[in-house]
Amino acid sequence: MVEVKVGTVIKDGFREGSSSKGPWACAEVKAEQGYDKIKVWAENPNDIAGAMVITEILSVKITNHKYPAKDGSEKWATDYNVQAKLAKADGTPAGFEKLDDDNIPF
């Protein structure tokens, strides 16, 4: 399973570049097991540095593309893409930022 939601921290795997449309940056969030992945495209590519947290999801798109297989045949693959706004992660794990040390439930 792969899940991407507001608060997801992306620690590494960023790629960036520039095209005729301007700068871009993306990272892949991969499943713990298997080959499933979701590519997260940064709405604000100039702000990418180190660990980032998803602050807003703008769109989700599923597309298919053809690629040549090792045996020479053409195969189809499904791409899962998320367009999101990212912010610098402060090192606090997502979901725990509202807990005080005094109010831990165990």
Protein backbone atom coordinates (compact mmCIF):
# COMPACT_ATOMS: atom_id res chain seq x y z
CA MET A 1 0.00 0.00 0.00
CA VAL A 2 1.12 3.55 -0.74
CA GLU A 3 -0.60 6.51 0.88
CA VAL A 4 -0.04 10.21 0.28
CA LYS A 5 -1.98 12.75 2.33
CA VAL A 6 -1.57 16.17 3.91
CA GLY A 7 1.10 15.74 6.57
CA THR A 8 3.07 13.06 4.69
CA VAL A 9 6.80 13.73 5.11
CA ILE A 10 9.02 13.10 2.09
CA LYS A 11 12.63 12.74 3.23
CA ASP A 12 14.55 12.01 0.05
CA GLY A 13 14.35 11.01 -3.59
CA PHE A 14 13.71 14.48 -4.97
CA ARG A 15 14.54 15.20 -8.58
CA GLU A 16 14.47 18.66 -10.03
CA GLY A 17 15.10 20.46 -13.27
CA SER A 18 13.84 23.07 -15.64
CA SER A 19 11.76 22.94 -18.81
CA SER A 20 10.12 25.40 -21.16
CA LYS A 21 7.36 25.72 -18.51
CA GLY A 22 9.86 26.64 -15.77
CA PRO A 23 11.44 24.82 -12.83
CA TRP A 24 10.04 21.51 -11.57
CA ALA A 25 10.64 19.14 -8.65
CA CYS A 26 9.19 15.74 -7.79
CA ALA A 27 9.73 12.76 -5.51
CA GLU A 28 8.38 9.22 -5.43
CA VAL A 29 6.63 7.85 -2.37
CA LYS A 30 7.18 4.08 -2.58
CA ALA A 31 5.45 1.13 -0.97
CA GLU A 32 7.33 -0.63 1.81
CA GLN A 33 7.09 -3.82 -0.26
CA GLY A 34 6.57 -4.24 -3.98
CA TYR A 35 6.86 -1.77 -6.82
CA ASP A 36 3.90 0.53 -6.21
CA LYS A 37 4.68 4.25 -6.02
CA ILE A 38 3.04 7.65 -6.21
CA LYS A 39 4.93 10.53 -7.76
CA VAL A 40 4.48 13.86 -5.92
CA TRP A 41 5.04 16.98 -8.03
CA ALA A 42 5.84 20.18 -6.15
CA GLU A 43 3.66 23.18 -6.91
CA ASN A 44 6.47 25.29 -5.39
CA PRO A 45 9.67 23.71 -6.83
CA ASN A 46 11.94 26.60 -5.84
CA ASP A 47 11.33 25.91 -2.12
CA ILE A 48 12.52 22.28 -2.11
CA ALA A 49 15.38 21.58 0.31
CA GLY A 50 15.83 18.52 2.51
CA ALA A 51 12.83 16.84 4.10
CA MET A 52 9.49 18.23 2.96
CA VAL A 53 5.93 17.83 4.22
CA ILE A 54 2.79 17.92 2.06
CA THR A 55 0.69 20.91 3.15
CA GLU A 56 -1.96 20.86 0.42
CA ILE A 57 -3.00 18.45 -2.33
CA LEU A 58 -4.07 20.28 -5.46
CA SER A 59 -4.82 17.42 -7.86
CA VAL A 60 -4.44 13.68 -8.39
CA LYS A 61 -4.03 12.14 -11.84
CA ILE A 62 -3.78 8.55 -13.07
CA THR A 63 -2.29 8.11 -16.53
CA ASN A 64 -1.01 5.23 -18.65
CA HIS A 65 2.12 5.16 -20.78
CA LYS A 66 3.70 2.69 -23.16
CA TYR A 67 7.29 1.53 -22.73
CA PRO A 68 9.51 -1.02 -24.49
CA ALA A 69 10.04 -4.26 -22.55
CA LYS A 70 13.32 -6.19 -22.53
CA ASP A 71 11.87 -8.72 -24.97
CA GLY A 72 11.16 -5.96 -27.52
CA SER A 73 7.41 -5.86 -27.02
CA GLU A 74 5.51 -2.81 -25.84
CA LYS A 75 4.07 -2.81 -22.32
CA TRP A 76 1.71 -0.44 -20.54
CA ALA A 77 2.33 1.07 -17.11
CA THR A 78 0.06 3.13 -14.87
CA ASP A 79 1.39 6.36 -13.36
CA TYR A 80 -0.09 7.87 -10.19
CA ASN A 81 0.70 11.59 -9.87
CA VAL A 82 -0.13 14.09 -7.12
CA GLN A 83 0.30 17.85 -7.54
CA ALA A 84 0.95 19.28 -4.06
CA LYS A 85 2.27 22.24 -2.13
CA LEU A 86 5.25 21.34 0.05
CA ALA A 87 6.86 22.99 3.06
CA LYS A 88 10.08 22.32 4.93
CA ALA A 89 9.63 19.57 7.50
CA ASP A 90 10.75 20.55 10.99
CA GLY A 91 11.66 17.00 11.98
CA THR A 92 8.44 16.36 13.93
CA PRO A 93 6.77 13.16 12.71
CA ALA A 94 3.42 13.82 11.05
CA GLY A 95 0.52 13.20 13.40
CA PHE A 96 2.52 13.79 16.60
CA GLU A 97 3.00 17.56 16.45
CA LYS A 98 0.00 18.24 18.74
CA LEU A 99 1.04 15.90 21.56
CA ASP A 100 2.69 17.33 24.65
CA ASP A 101 5.22 15.30 26.60
CA ASP A 102 2.92 15.63 29.62
CA ASN A 103 -0.14 14.20 27.84
CA ILE A 104 1.20 11.00 26.35
CA PRO A 105 -1.59 8.37 26.63
CA PHE A 106 0.59 5.50 27.92
